[in-house]
Amino acid sequence: MTKSEIIAHMALGAGITQAQAKEALSAYTDAAHTVLELSKRFVLPNIGILTVTARPARDGRNPRTGEKLKIAAGKKITFKAAKELKDAV
């Protein structure tokens, strides 16, 4: 489903214009970005939970040359599906 299809579906389901749905979706995604930047968890009701987790530094290897290299520590976003989503799928 594309962003424009999501907007159209939101507008139809909520009985609002597509412009209002686009604005609402933008506000929702901005909220998700802000919360995740603060290293917290973001709950998507009936869908799941997004959380930021630390990823330690580790050794890696260049697949072309086989040369060993160091991969820096970082952060990643993990997703845990909600029971409602698991049951629906």
PDB file of N, CA and C in Angstrom:
ATOM      1  N   MET A   1       0.852  -1.168   0.000  1.00  0.00           N
ATOM      2  CA  MET A   1       0.000   0.000   0.000  1.00  0.00           C
ATOM      3  C   MET A   1       0.900   1.234   0.000  1.00  0.00           C
ATOM      4  N   THR A   2       0.647   2.157  -0.891  1.00  0.00           N
ATOM      5  CA  THR A   2       1.449   3.367  -0.986  1.00  0.00           C
ATOM      6  C   THR A   2       0.920   4.446  -0.047  1.00  0.00           C
ATOM      7  N   LYS A   3       1.706   5.499   0.121  1.00  0.00           N
ATOM      8  CA  LYS A   3       1.294   6.593   0.996  1.00  0.00           C
ATOM      9  C   LYS A   3      -0.017   7.217   0.510  1.00  0.00           C
ATOM     10  N   SER A   4      -0.156   7.418  -0.792  1.00  0.00           N
ATOM     11  CA  SER A   4      -1.382   8.023  -1.315  1.00  0.00           C
ATOM     12  C   SER A   4      -2.582   7.103  -1.107  1.00  0.00           C
ATOM     13  N   GLU A   5      -2.372   5.786  -1.163  1.00  0.00           N
ATOM     14  CA  GLU A   5      -3.465   4.850  -0.906  1.00  0.00           C
ATOM     15  C   GLU A   5      -3.855   4.873   0.583  1.00  0.00           C
ATOM     16  N   ILE A   6      -2.861   5.004   1.453  1.00  0.00           N
ATOM     17  CA  ILE A   6      -3.144   5.109   2.887  1.00  0.00           C
ATOM     18  C   ILE A   6      -3.956   6.365   3.164  1.00  0.00           C
ATOM     19  N   ILE A   7      -3.559   7.481   2.554  1.00  0.00           N
ATOM     20  CA  ILE A   7      -4.266   8.749   2.733  1.00  0.00           C
ATOM     21  C   ILE A   7      -5.702   8.633   2.245  1.00  0.00           C
ATOM     22  N   ALA A   8      -5.912   8.026   1.081  1.00  0.00           N
ATOM     23  CA  ALA A   8      -7.258   7.860   0.537  1.00  0.00           C
ATOM     24  C   ALA A   8      -8.105   6.978   1.461  1.00  0.00           C
ATOM     25  N   HIS A   9      -7.516   5.912   1.982  1.00  0.00           N
ATOM     26  CA  HIS A   9      -8.229   5.008   2.890  1.00  0.00           C
ATOM     27  C   HIS A   9      -8.587   5.707   4.197  1.00  0.00           C
ATOM     28  N   MET A  10      -7.654   6.494   4.732  1.00  0.00           N
ATOM     29  CA  MET A  10      -7.920   7.254   5.958  1.00  0.00           C
ATOM     30  C   MET A  10      -9.045   8.258   5.740  1.00  0.00           C
ATOM     31  N   ALA A  11      -9.005   8.968   4.613  1.00  0.00           N
ATOM     32  CA  ALA A  11     -10.024   9.984   4.317  1.00  0.00           C
ATOM     33  C   ALA A  11     -11.403   9.348   4.209  1.00  0.00           C
ATOM     34  N   LEU A  12     -11.473   8.224   3.526  1.00  0.00           N
ATOM     35  CA  LEU A  12     -12.755   7.541   3.359  1.00  0.00           C
ATOM     36  C   LEU A  12     -13.257   6.999   4.694  1.00  0.00           C
ATOM     37  N   GLY A  13     -12.395   6.388   5.461  1.00  0.00           N
ATOM     38  CA  GLY A  13     -12.791   5.788   6.733  1.00  0.00           C
ATOM     39  C   GLY A  13     -13.188   6.809   7.782  1.00  0.00           C
ATOM     40  N   ALA A  14     -12.531   7.974   7.776  1.00  0.00           N
ATOM     41  CA  ALA A  14     -12.818   8.994   8.789  1.00  0.00           C
ATOM     42  C   ALA A  14     -13.817  10.046   8.310  1.00  0.00           C
ATOM     43  N   GLY A  15     -14.168  10.002   7.031  1.00  0.00           N
ATOM     44  CA  GLY A  15     -15.114  10.981   6.497  1.00  0.00           C
ATOM     45  C   GLY A  15     -14.520  12.383   6.430  1.00  0.00           C
ATOM     46  N   ILE A  16     -13.242  12.469   6.089  1.00  0.00           N
ATOM     47  CA  ILE A  16     -12.558  13.762   5.964  1.00  0.00           C
ATOM     48  C   ILE A  16     -11.971  13.878   4.560  1.00  0.00           C
ATOM     49  N   THR A  17     -11.462  15.066   4.248  1.00  0.00           N
ATOM     50  CA  THR A  17     -10.859  15.261   2.933  1.00  0.00           C
ATOM     51  C   THR A  17      -9.482  14.599   2.905  1.00  0.00           C
ATOM     52  N   GLN A  18      -8.979  14.373   1.694  1.00  0.00           N
ATOM     53  CA  GLN A  18      -7.652  13.775   1.564  1.00  0.00           C
ATOM     54  C   GLN A  18      -6.577  14.721   2.088  1.00  0.00           C
ATOM     55  N   ALA A  19      -6.796  16.020   1.960  1.00  0.00           N
ATOM     56  CA  ALA A  19      -5.832  16.992   2.481  1.00  0.00           C
ATOM     57  C   ALA A  19      -5.746  16.884   4.009  1.00  0.00           C
ATOM     58  N   GLN A  20      -6.901  16.732   4.658  1.00  0.00           N
ATOM     59  CA  GLN A  20      -6.915  16.572   6.114  1.00  0.00           C
ATOM     60  C   GLN A  20      -6.272  15.249   6.523  1.00  0.00           C
ATOM     61  N   ALA A  21      -6.526  14.203   5.758  1.00  0.00           N
ATOM     62  CA  ALA A  21      -5.930  12.895   6.053  1.00  0.00           C
ATOM     63  C   ALA A  21      -4.416  12.942   5.874  1.00  0.00           C
ATOM     64  N   LYS A  22      -3.954  13.651   4.848  1.00  0.00           N
ATOM     65  CA  LYS A  22      -2.513  13.790   4.612  1.00  0.00           C
ATOM     66  C   LYS A  22      -1.860  14.524   5.777  1.00  0.00           C
ATOM     67  N   GLU A  23      -2.514  15.567   6.259  1.00  0.00           N
ATOM     68  CA  GLU A  23      -2.010  16.339   7.397  1.00  0.00           C
ATOM     69  C   GLU A  23      -1.973  15.478   8.660  1.00  0.00           C
ATOM     70  N   ALA A  24      -3.002  14.673   8.876  1.00  0.00           N
ATOM     71  CA  ALA A  24      -3.062  13.798  10.049  1.00  0.00           C
ATOM     72  C   ALA A  24      -1.973  12.733   9.988  1.00  0.00           C
ATOM     73  N   LEU A  25      -1.764  12.149   8.825  1.00  0.00           N
ATOM     74  CA  LEU A  25      -0.715  11.137   8.662  1.00  0.00           C
ATOM     75  C   LEU A  25       0.659  11.745   8.889  1.00  0.00           C
ATOM     76  N   SER A  26       0.863  12.951   8.391  1.00  0.00           N
ATOM     77  CA  SER A  26       2.134  13.645   8.574  1.00  0.00           C
ATOM     78  C   SER A  26       2.388  13.924  10.058  1.00  0.00           C
ATOM     79  N   ALA A  27       1.370  14.353  10.773  1.00  0.00           N
ATOM     80  CA  ALA A  27       1.510  14.616  12.208  1.00  0.00           C
ATOM     81  C   ALA A  27       1.820  13.327  12.960  1.00  0.00           C
ATOM     82  N   TYR A  28       1.200  12.235  12.574  1.00  0.00           N
ATOM     83  CA  TYR A  28       1.422  10.938  13.215  1.00  0.00           C
ATOM     84  C   TYR A  28       2.848  10.447  12.989  1.00  0.00           C
ATOM     85  N   THR A  29       3.339  10.549  11.764  1.00  0.00           N
ATOM     86  CA  THR A  29       4.708  10.106  11.481  1.00  0.00           C
ATOM     87  C   THR A  29       5.729  11.026  12.135  1.00  0.00           C
ATOM     88  N   ASP A  30       5.439  12.315  12.205  1.00  0.00           N
ATOM     89  CA  ASP A  30       6.339  13.243  12.906  1.00  0.00           C
ATOM     90  C   ASP A  30       6.430  12.885  14.392  1.00  0.00           C
ATOM     91  N   ALA A  31       5.302  12.519  14.984  1.00  0.00           N
ATOM     92  CA  ALA A  31       5.291  12.107  16.389  1.00  0.00           C
ATOM     93  C   ALA A  31       6.135  10.850  16.579  1.00  0.00           C
ATOM     94  N   ALA A  32       6.022   9.902  15.659  1.00  0.00           N
ATOM     95  CA  ALA A  32       6.812   8.671  15.741  1.00  0.00           C
ATOM     96  C   ALA A  32       8.299   8.984  15.667  1.00  0.00           C
ATOM     97  N   HIS A  33       8.696   9.855  14.750  1.00  0.00           N
ATOM     98  CA  HIS A  33      10.108  10.239  14.615  1.00  0.00           C
ATOM     99  C   HIS A  33      10.618  10.881  15.893  1.00  0.00           C
ATOM    100  N   THR A  34       9.832  11.802  16.441  1.00  0.00           N
ATOM    101  CA  THR A  34      10.243  12.515  17.650  1.00  0.00           C
ATOM    102  C   THR A  34      10.425  11.547  18.822  1.00  0.00           C
ATOM    103  N   VAL A  35       9.476  10.665  19.017  1.00  0.00           N
ATOM    104  CA  VAL A  35       9.551   9.713  20.127  1.00  0.00           C
ATOM    105  C   VAL A  35      10.734   8.772  19.947  1.00  0.00           C
ATOM    106  N   LEU A  36      10.952   8.277  18.744  1.00  0.00           N
ATOM    107  CA  LEU A  36      12.054   7.352  18.507  1.00  0.00           C
ATOM    108  C   LEU A  36      13.411   8.044  18.612  1.00  0.00           C
ATOM    109  N   GLU A  37      13.492   9.319  18.253  1.00  0.00           N
ATOM    110  CA  GLU A  37      14.737  10.071  18.416  1.00  0.00           C
ATOM    111  C   GLU A  37      15.116  10.188  19.885  1.00  0.00           C
ATOM    112  N   LEU A  38      14.115  10.204  20.758  1.00  0.00           N
ATOM    113  CA  LEU A  38      14.364  10.288  22.191  1.00  0.00           C
ATOM    114  C   LEU A  38      14.631   8.903  22.790  1.00  0.00           C
ATOM    115  N   SER A  39      14.814   7.915  21.934  1.00  0.00           N
ATOM    116  CA  SER A  39      15.104   6.527  22.334  1.00  0.00           C
ATOM    117  C   SER A  39      14.018   5.927  23.220  1.00  0.00           C
ATOM    118  N   LYS A  40      12.804   6.169  22.873  1.00  0.00           N
ATOM    119  CA  LYS A  40      11.687   5.583  23.594  1.00  0.00           C
ATOM    120  C   LYS A  40      10.987   4.581  22.690  1.00  0.00           C
ATOM    121  N   ARG A  41       9.886   4.053  23.158  1.00  0.00           N
ATOM    122  CA  ARG A  41       9.116   3.137  22.330  1.00  0.00           C
ATOM    123  C   ARG A  41       7.875   3.845  21.796  1.00  0.00           C
ATOM    124  N   PHE A  42       7.467   3.455  20.615  1.00  0.00           N
ATOM    125  CA  PHE A  42       6.309   4.061  19.965  1.00  0.00           C
ATOM    126  C   PHE A  42       5.294   2.958  19.698  1.00  0.00           C
ATOM    127  N   VAL A  43       4.108   3.115  20.260  1.00  0.00           N
ATOM    128  CA  VAL A  43       3.065   2.101  20.134  1.00  0.00           C
ATOM    129  C   VAL A  43       2.154   2.446  18.965  1.00  0.00           C
ATOM    130  N   LEU A  44       1.977   1.482  18.075  1.00  0.00           N
ATOM    131  CA  LEU A  44       1.017   1.581  16.988  1.00  0.00           C
ATOM    132  C   LEU A  44      -0.166   0.713  17.408  1.00  0.00           C
ATOM    133  N   PRO A  45      -1.243   1.317  17.893  1.00  0.00           N
ATOM    134  CA  PRO A  45      -2.346   0.535  18.450  1.00  0.00           C
ATOM    135  C   PRO A  45      -2.837  -0.556  17.496  1.00  0.00           C
ATOM    136  N   ASN A  46      -2.974  -1.754  18.033  1.00  0.00           N
ATOM    137  CA  ASN A  46      -3.428  -2.944  17.310  1.00  0.00           C
ATOM    138  C   ASN A  46      -2.489  -3.382  16.187  1.00  0.00           C
ATOM    139  N   ILE A  47      -1.331  -2.761  16.077  1.00  0.00           N
ATOM    140  CA  ILE A  47      -0.363  -3.130  15.045  1.00  0.00           C
ATOM    141  C   ILE A  47       0.913  -3.655  15.682  1.00  0.00           C
ATOM    142  N   GLY A  48       1.513  -2.866  16.586  1.00  0.00           N
ATOM    143  CA  GLY A  48       2.726  -3.323  17.237  1.00  0.00           C
ATOM    144  C   GLY A  48       3.460  -2.199  17.918  1.00  0.00           C
ATOM    145  N   ILE A  49       4.713  -2.481  18.291  1.00  0.00           N
ATOM    146  CA  ILE A  49       5.532  -1.521  19.018  1.00  0.00           C
ATOM    147  C   ILE A  49       6.874  -1.363  18.316  1.00  0.00           C
ATOM    148  N   LEU A  50       7.275  -0.110  18.096  1.00  0.00           N
ATOM    149  CA  LEU A  50       8.598   0.210  17.569  1.00  0.00           C
ATOM    150  C   LEU A  50       9.468   0.642  18.741  1.00  0.00           C
ATOM    151  N   THR A  51      10.659   0.071  18.860  1.00  0.00           N
ATOM    152  CA  THR A  51      11.580   0.468  19.918  1.00  0.00           C
ATOM    153  C   THR A  51      12.974   0.647  19.331  1.00  0.00           C
ATOM    154  N   VAL A  52      13.741   1.538  19.947  1.00  0.00           N
ATOM    155  CA  VAL A  52      15.126   1.758  19.545  1.00  0.00           C
ATOM    156  C   VAL A  52      16.000   0.915  20.463  1.00  0.00           C
ATOM    157  N   THR A  53      16.872   0.117  19.865  1.00  0.00           N
ATOM    158  CA  THR A  53      17.786  -0.708  20.649  1.00  0.00           C
ATOM    159  C   THR A  53      19.218  -0.410  20.235  1.00  0.00           C
ATOM    160  N   ALA A  54      20.129  -0.572  21.186  1.00  0.00           N
ATOM    161  CA  ALA A  54      21.550  -0.343  20.919  1.00  0.00           C
ATOM    162  C   ALA A  54      22.130  -1.570  20.228  1.00  0.00           C
ATOM    163  N   ARG A  55      23.020  -1.316  19.305  1.00  0.00           N
ATOM    164  CA  ARG A  55      23.693  -2.388  18.591  1.00  0.00           C
ATOM    165  C   ARG A  55      25.184  -2.248  18.874  1.00  0.00           C
ATOM    166  N   PRO A  56      25.816  -3.244  19.469  1.00  0.00           N
ATOM    167  CA  PRO A  56      27.231  -3.107  19.838  1.00  0.00           C
ATOM    168  C   PRO A  56      28.150  -3.138  18.622  1.00  0.00           C
ATOM    169  N   ALA A  57      29.364  -2.633  18.811  1.00  0.00           N
ATOM    170  CA  ALA A  57      30.379  -2.708  17.759  1.00  0.00           C
ATOM    171  C   ALA A  57      30.709  -4.179  17.521  1.00  0.00           C
ATOM    172  N   ARG A  58      31.060  -4.505  16.302  1.00  0.00           N
ATOM    173  CA  ARG A  58      31.356  -5.902  15.996  1.00  0.00           C
ATOM    174  C   ARG A  58      32.333  -5.999  14.820  1.00  0.00           C
ATOM    175  N   ASP A  59      32.880  -7.169  14.635  1.00  0.00           N
ATOM    176  CA  ASP A  59      33.772  -7.417  13.512  1.00  0.00           C
ATOM    177  C   ASP A  59      32.941  -7.854  12.316  1.00  0.00           C
ATOM    178  N   GLY A  60      33.356  -7.421  11.143  1.00  0.00           N
ATOM    179  CA  GLY A  60      32.669  -7.806   9.929  1.00  0.00           C
ATOM    180  C   GLY A  60      33.681  -8.164   8.860  1.00  0.00           C
ATOM    181  N   ARG A  61      33.178  -8.417   7.651  1.00  0.00           N
ATOM    182  CA  ARG A  61      34.068  -8.765   6.567  1.00  0.00           C
ATOM    183  C   ARG A  61      33.522  -8.210   5.263  1.00  0.00           C
ATOM    184  N   ASN A  62      34.398  -7.640   4.458  1.00  0.00           N
ATOM    185  CA  ASN A  62      34.022  -7.134   3.146  1.00  0.00           C
ATOM    186  C   ASN A  62      33.709  -8.340   2.265  1.00  0.00           C
ATOM    187  N   PRO A  63      32.486  -8.436   1.720  1.00  0.00           N
ATOM    188  CA  PRO A  63      32.131  -9.621   0.936  1.00  0.00           C
ATOM    189  C   PRO A  63      32.920  -9.745  -0.372  1.00  0.00           C
ATOM    190  N   ARG A  64      33.418  -8.649  -0.905  1.00  0.00           N
ATOM    191  CA  ARG A  64      34.186  -8.712  -2.159  1.00  0.00           C
ATOM    192  C   ARG A  64      35.620  -9.180  -1.946  1.00  0.00           C
ATOM    193  N   THR A  65      36.257  -8.595  -0.947  1.00  0.00           N
ATOM    194  CA  THR A  65      37.681  -8.873  -0.750  1.00  0.00           C
ATOM    195  C   THR A  65      37.946  -9.859   0.380  1.00  0.00           C
ATOM    196  N   GLY A  66      36.981 -10.055   1.261  1.00  0.00           N
ATOM    197  CA  GLY A  66      37.193 -10.913   2.407  1.00  0.00           C
ATOM    198  C   GLY A  66      37.964 -10.224   3.523  1.00  0.00           C
ATOM    199  N   GLU A  67      38.307  -8.956   3.323  1.00  0.00           N
ATOM    200  CA  GLU A  67      39.061  -8.190   4.315  1.00  0.00           C
ATOM    201  C   GLU A  67      38.229  -7.963   5.568  1.00  0.00           C
ATOM    202  N   LYS A  68      38.853  -8.157   6.733  1.00  0.00           N
ATOM    203  CA  LYS A  68      38.160  -7.924   7.994  1.00  0.00           C
ATOM    204  C   LYS A  68      38.065  -6.428   8.252  1.00  0.00           C
ATOM    205  N   LEU A  69      36.951  -6.025   8.890  1.00  0.00           N
ATOM    206  CA  LEU A  69      36.768  -4.622   9.230  1.00  0.00           C
ATOM    207  C   LEU A  69      35.948  -4.509  10.496  1.00  0.00           C
ATOM    208  N   LYS A  70      36.008  -3.343  11.104  1.00  0.00           N
ATOM    209  CA  LYS A  70      35.253  -3.074  12.329  1.00  0.00           C
ATOM    210  C   LYS A  70      33.961  -2.354  11.943  1.00  0.00           C
ATOM    211  N   ILE A  71      32.853  -2.819  12.486  1.00  0.00           N
ATOM    212  CA  ILE A  71      31.563  -2.165  12.289  1.00  0.00           C
ATOM    213  C   ILE A  71      31.260  -1.421  13.583  1.00  0.00           C
ATOM    214  N   ALA A  72      31.019  -0.122  13.456  1.00  0.00           N
ATOM    215  CA  ALA A  72      30.797   0.739  14.620  1.00  0.00           C
ATOM    216  C   ALA A  72      29.487   0.403  15.324  1.00  0.00           C
ATOM    217  N   ALA A  73      29.437   0.729  16.603  1.00  0.00           N
ATOM    218  CA  ALA A  73      28.197   0.577  17.372  1.00  0.00           C
ATOM    219  C   ALA A  73      27.164   1.552  16.830  1.00  0.00           C
ATOM    220  N   GLY A  74      25.922   1.236  16.993  1.00  0.00           N
ATOM    221  CA  GLY A  74      24.861   2.107  16.501  1.00  0.00           C
ATOM    222  C   GLY A  74      23.529   1.765  17.145  1.00  0.00           C
ATOM    223  N   LYS A  75      22.490   2.291  16.566  1.00  0.00           N
ATOM    224  CA  LYS A  75      21.131   2.030  17.051  1.00  0.00           C
ATOM    225  C   LYS A  75      20.323   1.451  15.909  1.00  0.00           C
ATOM    226  N   LYS A  76      19.324   0.646  16.267  1.00  0.00           N
ATOM    227  CA  LYS A  76      18.416   0.117  15.254  1.00  0.00           C
ATOM    228  C   LYS A  76      17.004   0.153  15.805  1.00  0.00           C
ATOM    229  N   ILE A  77      16.060   0.111  14.911  1.00  0.00           N
ATOM    230  CA  ILE A  77      14.651   0.105  15.299  1.00  0.00           C
ATOM    231  C   ILE A  77      14.144  -1.324  15.159  1.00  0.00           C
ATOM    232  N   THR A  78      13.523  -1.818  16.223  1.00  0.00           N
ATOM    233  CA  THR A  78      12.933  -3.153  16.183  1.00  0.00           C
ATOM    234  C   THR A  78      11.416  -3.023  16.245  1.00  0.00           C
ATOM    235  N   PHE A  79      10.750  -4.005  15.692  1.00  0.00           N
ATOM    236  CA  PHE A  79       9.288  -4.019  15.652  1.00  0.00           C
ATOM    237  C   PHE A  79       8.792  -5.311  16.266  1.00  0.00           C
ATOM    238  N   LYS A  80       7.826  -5.188  17.170  1.00  0.00           N
ATOM    239  CA  LYS A  80       7.177  -6.360  17.747  1.00  0.00           C
ATOM    240  C   LYS A  80       5.696  -6.259  17.413  1.00  0.00           C
ATOM    241  N   ALA A  81       5.207  -7.224  16.663  1.00  0.00           N
ATOM    242  CA  ALA A  81       3.807  -7.213  16.238  1.00  0.00           C
ATOM    243  C   ALA A  81       2.866  -7.450  17.407  1.00  0.00           C
ATOM    244  N   ALA A  82       1.742  -6.766  17.378  1.00  0.00           N
ATOM    245  CA  ALA A  82       0.699  -6.919  18.403  1.00  0.00           C
ATOM    246  C   ALA A  82      -0.074  -8.215  18.166  1.00  0.00           C
ATOM    247  N   LYS A  83      -0.686  -8.725  19.201  1.00  0.00           N
ATOM    248  CA  LYS A  83      -1.461  -9.951  19.107  1.00  0.00           C
ATOM    249  C   LYS A  83      -2.569  -9.818  18.068  1.00  0.00           C
ATOM    250  N   GLU A  84      -3.214  -8.652  18.027  1.00  0.00           N
ATOM    251  CA  GLU A  84      -4.307  -8.434  17.061  1.00  0.00           C
ATOM    252  C   GLU A  84      -3.817  -8.578  15.625  1.00  0.00           C
ATOM    253  N   LEU A  85      -2.620  -8.068  15.334  1.00  0.00           N
ATOM    254  CA  LEU A  85      -2.055  -8.165  13.999  1.00  0.00           C
ATOM    255  C   LEU A  85      -1.679  -9.611  13.685  1.00  0.00           C
ATOM    256  N   LYS A  86      -1.060 -10.279  14.648  1.00  0.00           N
ATOM    257  CA  LYS A  86      -0.678 -11.685  14.448  1.00  0.00           C
ATOM    258  C   LYS A  86      -1.907 -12.553  14.158  1.00  0.00           C
ATOM    259  N   ASP A  87      -2.979 -12.310  14.924  1.00  0.00           N
ATOM    260  CA  ASP A  87      -4.212 -13.096  14.726  1.00  0.00           C
ATOM    261  C   ASP A  87      -4.847 -12.806  13.373  1.00  0.00           C
ATOM    262  N   ALA A  88      -4.760 -11.564  12.917  1.00  0.00           N
ATOM    263  CA  ALA A  88      -5.369 -11.176  11.642  1.00  0.00           C
ATOM    264  C   ALA A  88      -4.623 -11.773  10.459  1.00  0.00           C
ATOM    265  N   VAL A  89      -3.311 -11.916  10.606  1.00  0.00           N
ATOM    266  CA  VAL A  89      -2.489 -12.437   9.506  1.00  0.00           C
ATOM    267  C   VAL A  89      -2.440 -13.929   9.622  1.00  0.00           C
TER     268      VAL A  89
END
